[in-house]
Amino acid sequence: MQTCKSCSDLHGRPASTTQLCEMALLGVGELCGVPAVEHYRCVACGSSFSRVLIGASCDCIWRFLDGRGASEDRAAPSAAPA
């Protein structure tokens, strides 16, 4: 199954961005009693996300963990010929 458009649009946005699709909260990680990261799964396409809540503002983003079909968005550069 491909990553839905809402998940593709959410990847890399600030953590303060409201979810663009229905997400199931899977867990919350804390650091010294403060929520630091949340893990979600998209109900529509099954993509997994982390939502980083603490750190520098550039680190506090929505991030694909293992999005189905997200490989096109994050394709690794092709290896150089041997």
N, C-alpha and C. Protein backbone atom coordinates (compact mmCIF):
# COMPACT_ATOMS: atom_id res chain seq x y z
N MET A 1 0.85 -1.18 0.00
CA MET A 1 0.00 0.00 0.00
C MET A 1 0.89 1.24 0.00
N GLN A 2 0.55 2.21 -0.79
CA GLN A 2 1.31 3.46 -0.88
C GLN A 2 1.01 4.36 0.31
N THR A 3 1.97 5.21 0.62
CA THR A 3 1.75 6.23 1.64
C THR A 3 0.69 7.20 1.14
N CYS A 4 -0.28 7.52 1.98
CA CYS A 4 -1.34 8.44 1.56
C CYS A 4 -0.79 9.86 1.44
N LYS A 5 -1.49 10.69 0.71
CA LYS A 5 -1.06 12.07 0.47
C LYS A 5 -0.90 12.84 1.78
N SER A 6 -1.81 12.61 2.72
CA SER A 6 -1.72 13.31 4.01
C SER A 6 -0.42 12.99 4.73
N CYS A 7 0.01 11.73 4.70
CA CYS A 7 1.27 11.35 5.35
C CYS A 7 2.46 11.92 4.60
N SER A 8 2.41 11.90 3.29
CA SER A 8 3.50 12.50 2.50
C SER A 8 3.64 13.98 2.82
N ASP A 9 2.52 14.66 3.00
CA ASP A 9 2.53 16.09 3.31
C ASP A 9 2.98 16.36 4.75
N LEU A 10 2.74 15.42 5.66
CA LEU A 10 3.06 15.63 7.07
C LEU A 10 4.56 15.46 7.35
N HIS A 11 5.23 14.59 6.62
CA HIS A 11 6.65 14.31 6.85
C HIS A 11 7.49 15.59 6.77
N GLY A 12 8.25 15.87 7.85
CA GLY A 12 9.13 17.02 7.88
C GLY A 12 8.51 18.31 8.38
N ARG A 13 7.20 18.30 8.61
CA ARG A 13 6.55 19.51 9.13
C ARG A 13 6.84 19.68 10.62
N PRO A 14 6.71 20.90 11.13
CA PRO A 14 6.92 21.13 12.57
C PRO A 14 5.98 20.26 13.42
N ALA A 15 6.47 19.86 14.60
CA ALA A 15 5.68 19.02 15.50
C ALA A 15 4.38 19.70 15.92
N SER A 16 4.34 21.02 15.84
CA SER A 16 3.13 21.75 16.21
C SER A 16 2.03 21.63 15.15
N THR A 17 2.37 21.10 13.97
CA THR A 17 1.39 20.92 12.90
C THR A 17 0.36 19.88 13.32
N THR A 18 -0.91 20.20 13.14
CA THR A 18 -1.99 19.26 13.43
C THR A 18 -1.92 18.10 12.45
N GLN A 19 -2.21 16.90 12.95
CA GLN A 19 -2.23 15.72 12.09
C GLN A 19 -3.14 15.97 10.90
N LEU A 20 -2.67 15.58 9.73
CA LEU A 20 -3.44 15.81 8.51
C LEU A 20 -4.35 14.64 8.17
N CYS A 21 -4.22 13.53 8.91
CA CYS A 21 -5.08 12.37 8.70
C CYS A 21 -5.29 11.70 10.05
N GLU A 22 -6.13 10.67 10.08
CA GLU A 22 -6.40 9.98 11.34
C GLU A 22 -5.20 9.12 11.72
N MET A 23 -4.65 9.39 12.90
CA MET A 23 -3.48 8.66 13.40
C MET A 23 -3.83 7.97 14.71
N ALA A 24 -3.30 6.76 14.88
CA ALA A 24 -3.44 6.04 16.14
C ALA A 24 -2.16 6.25 16.95
N LEU A 25 -2.30 6.75 18.17
CA LEU A 25 -1.15 6.95 19.05
C LEU A 25 -0.70 5.59 19.58
N LEU A 26 0.56 5.23 19.32
CA LEU A 26 1.09 3.93 19.74
C LEU A 26 1.85 4.01 21.06
N GLY A 27 2.48 5.15 21.33
CA GLY A 27 3.24 5.28 22.56
C GLY A 27 3.86 6.65 22.71
N VAL A 28 4.27 6.95 23.94
CA VAL A 28 4.90 8.23 24.26
C VAL A 28 6.19 7.94 25.02
N GLY A 29 7.27 8.57 24.58
CA GLY A 29 8.55 8.46 25.29
C GLY A 29 8.78 9.73 26.08
N GLU A 30 9.25 9.57 27.32
CA GLU A 30 9.50 10.72 28.19
C GLU A 30 10.98 10.83 28.54
N LEU A 31 11.39 12.04 28.82
CA LEU A 31 12.73 12.33 29.30
C LEU A 31 12.59 13.15 30.57
N CYS A 32 12.97 12.58 31.69
CA CYS A 32 12.83 13.25 33.00
C CYS A 32 11.39 13.70 33.25
N GLY A 33 10.43 12.86 32.87
CA GLY A 33 9.02 13.14 33.12
C GLY A 33 8.36 14.07 32.12
N VAL A 34 9.10 14.50 31.09
CA VAL A 34 8.56 15.41 30.08
C VAL A 34 8.36 14.62 28.78
N PRO A 35 7.15 14.67 28.17
CA PRO A 35 6.97 13.98 26.89
C PRO A 35 8.00 14.47 25.86
N ALA A 36 8.75 13.52 25.28
CA ALA A 36 9.81 13.86 24.35
C ALA A 36 9.50 13.45 22.92
N VAL A 37 8.78 12.34 22.77
CA VAL A 37 8.47 11.83 21.44
C VAL A 37 7.17 11.02 21.51
N GLU A 38 6.39 11.10 20.45
CA GLU A 38 5.17 10.29 20.33
C GLU A 38 5.31 9.46 19.06
N HIS A 39 4.79 8.24 19.12
CA HIS A 39 4.82 7.36 17.95
C HIS A 39 3.38 7.10 17.50
N TYR A 40 3.17 7.23 16.20
CA TYR A 40 1.84 7.11 15.61
C TYR A 40 1.86 6.16 14.43
N ARG A 41 0.68 5.64 14.08
CA ARG A 41 0.48 4.89 12.85
C ARG A 41 -0.76 5.46 12.16
N CYS A 42 -0.63 5.71 10.86
CA CYS A 42 -1.75 6.22 10.07
C CYS A 42 -2.79 5.12 9.89
N VAL A 43 -4.03 5.44 10.19
CA VAL A 43 -5.11 4.48 10.06
C VAL A 43 -5.39 4.16 8.59
N ALA A 44 -5.18 5.13 7.71
CA ALA A 44 -5.48 4.95 6.29
C ALA A 44 -4.45 4.10 5.55
N CYS A 45 -3.15 4.40 5.74
CA CYS A 45 -2.13 3.72 4.92
C CYS A 45 -1.13 2.89 5.73
N GLY A 46 -1.15 3.00 7.05
CA GLY A 46 -0.27 2.20 7.88
C GLY A 46 1.12 2.77 8.09
N SER A 47 1.40 3.97 7.58
CA SER A 47 2.72 4.58 7.78
C SER A 47 2.95 4.88 9.26
N SER A 48 4.18 4.67 9.70
CA SER A 48 4.56 4.96 11.09
C SER A 48 5.31 6.27 11.15
N PHE A 49 5.03 7.05 12.18
CA PHE A 49 5.64 8.36 12.36
C PHE A 49 6.14 8.52 13.79
N SER A 50 7.16 9.35 13.93
CA SER A 50 7.51 9.87 15.25
C SER A 50 7.25 11.36 15.20
N ARG A 51 6.83 11.88 16.33
CA ARG A 51 6.62 13.32 16.49
C ARG A 51 7.53 13.76 17.62
N VAL A 52 8.64 14.40 17.27
CA VAL A 52 9.64 14.82 18.25
C VAL A 52 9.15 16.11 18.90
N LEU A 53 9.11 16.12 20.24
CA LEU A 53 8.51 17.23 20.97
C LEU A 53 9.51 18.11 21.70
N ILE A 54 10.73 17.63 21.92
CA ILE A 54 11.73 18.45 22.62
C ILE A 54 12.99 18.55 21.79
N GLY A 55 13.78 19.58 22.08
CA GLY A 55 15.03 19.80 21.35
C GLY A 55 14.95 21.10 20.58
N ALA A 56 15.92 21.28 19.71
CA ALA A 56 15.95 22.48 18.87
C ALA A 56 14.72 22.49 17.97
N SER A 57 14.25 23.68 17.61
CA SER A 57 13.04 23.77 16.80
C SER A 57 13.17 23.01 15.49
N CYS A 58 14.38 22.95 14.93
CA CYS A 58 14.56 22.23 13.66
C CYS A 58 14.46 20.71 13.86
N ASP A 59 14.60 20.23 15.11
CA ASP A 59 14.48 18.80 15.41
C ASP A 59 13.06 18.39 15.76
N CYS A 60 12.21 19.35 16.11
CA CYS A 60 10.83 19.07 16.54
C CYS A 60 9.93 18.99 15.32
N ILE A 61 9.93 17.81 14.69
CA ILE A 61 9.19 17.62 13.45
C ILE A 61 8.46 16.28 13.46
N TRP A 62 7.57 16.13 12.49
CA TRP A 62 6.96 14.84 12.18
C TRP A 62 7.94 14.11 11.26
N ARG A 63 8.21 12.84 11.54
CA ARG A 63 9.21 12.11 10.77
C ARG A 63 8.71 10.70 10.43
N PHE A 64 8.81 10.32 9.15
CA PHE A 64 8.50 8.94 8.76
C PHE A 64 9.42 7.99 9.51
N LEU A 65 8.89 6.88 9.98
CA LEU A 65 9.73 5.83 10.53
C LEU A 65 9.87 4.70 9.53
N ASP A 66 8.76 4.24 8.98
CA ASP A 66 8.79 3.16 8.00
C ASP A 66 7.61 3.27 7.06
N GLY A 67 7.39 4.44 6.52
CA GLY A 67 6.24 4.67 5.67
C GLY A 67 6.20 3.73 4.48
N ARG A 68 5.10 3.11 4.27
CA ARG A 68 4.93 2.26 3.09
C ARG A 68 4.83 3.17 1.88
N GLY A 69 5.68 2.94 0.91
CA GLY A 69 5.68 3.78 -0.28
C GLY A 69 6.47 5.05 -0.11
N ALA A 70 7.01 5.28 1.09
CA ALA A 70 7.77 6.51 1.33
C ALA A 70 9.15 6.44 0.74
N SER A 71 9.55 5.27 0.26
CA SER A 71 10.90 5.12 -0.27
C SER A 71 11.14 6.04 -1.46
N GLU A 72 10.09 6.37 -2.20
CA GLU A 72 10.26 7.31 -3.31
C GLU A 72 10.65 8.68 -2.78
N ASP A 73 10.13 9.05 -1.60
CA ASP A 73 10.42 10.35 -1.01
C ASP A 73 11.82 10.40 -0.40
N ARG A 74 12.33 9.25 0.02
CA ARG A 74 13.60 9.20 0.73
C ARG A 74 14.59 8.29 0.03
N ALA A 75 14.50 8.17 -1.27
CA ALA A 75 15.33 7.24 -2.01
C ALA A 75 16.81 7.52 -1.78
N ALA A 76 17.54 6.45 -1.53
CA ALA A 76 18.99 6.58 -1.36
C ALA A 76 19.63 6.78 -2.73
N PRO A 77 20.73 7.52 -2.78
CA PRO A 77 21.41 7.69 -4.06
C PRO A 77 21.88 6.35 -4.58
N SER A 78 21.86 6.19 -5.88
CA SER A 78 22.28 4.92 -6.46
C SER A 78 23.78 4.75 -6.27
N ALA A 79 24.18 3.50 -6.10
CA ALA A 79 25.59 3.20 -5.88
C ALA A 79 26.39 3.44 -7.16
N ALA A 80 27.60 3.89 -6.98
CA ALA A 80 28.48 4.11 -8.13
C ALA A 80 28.93 2.76 -8.68
N PRO A 81 29.09 2.66 -10.00
CA PRO A 81 29.54 1.38 -10.58
C PRO A 81 30.92 1.00 -10.05
N ALA A 82 31.14 -0.29 -9.89
CA ALA A 82 32.43 -0.78 -9.35
C ALA A 82 33.52 -0.76 -10.38
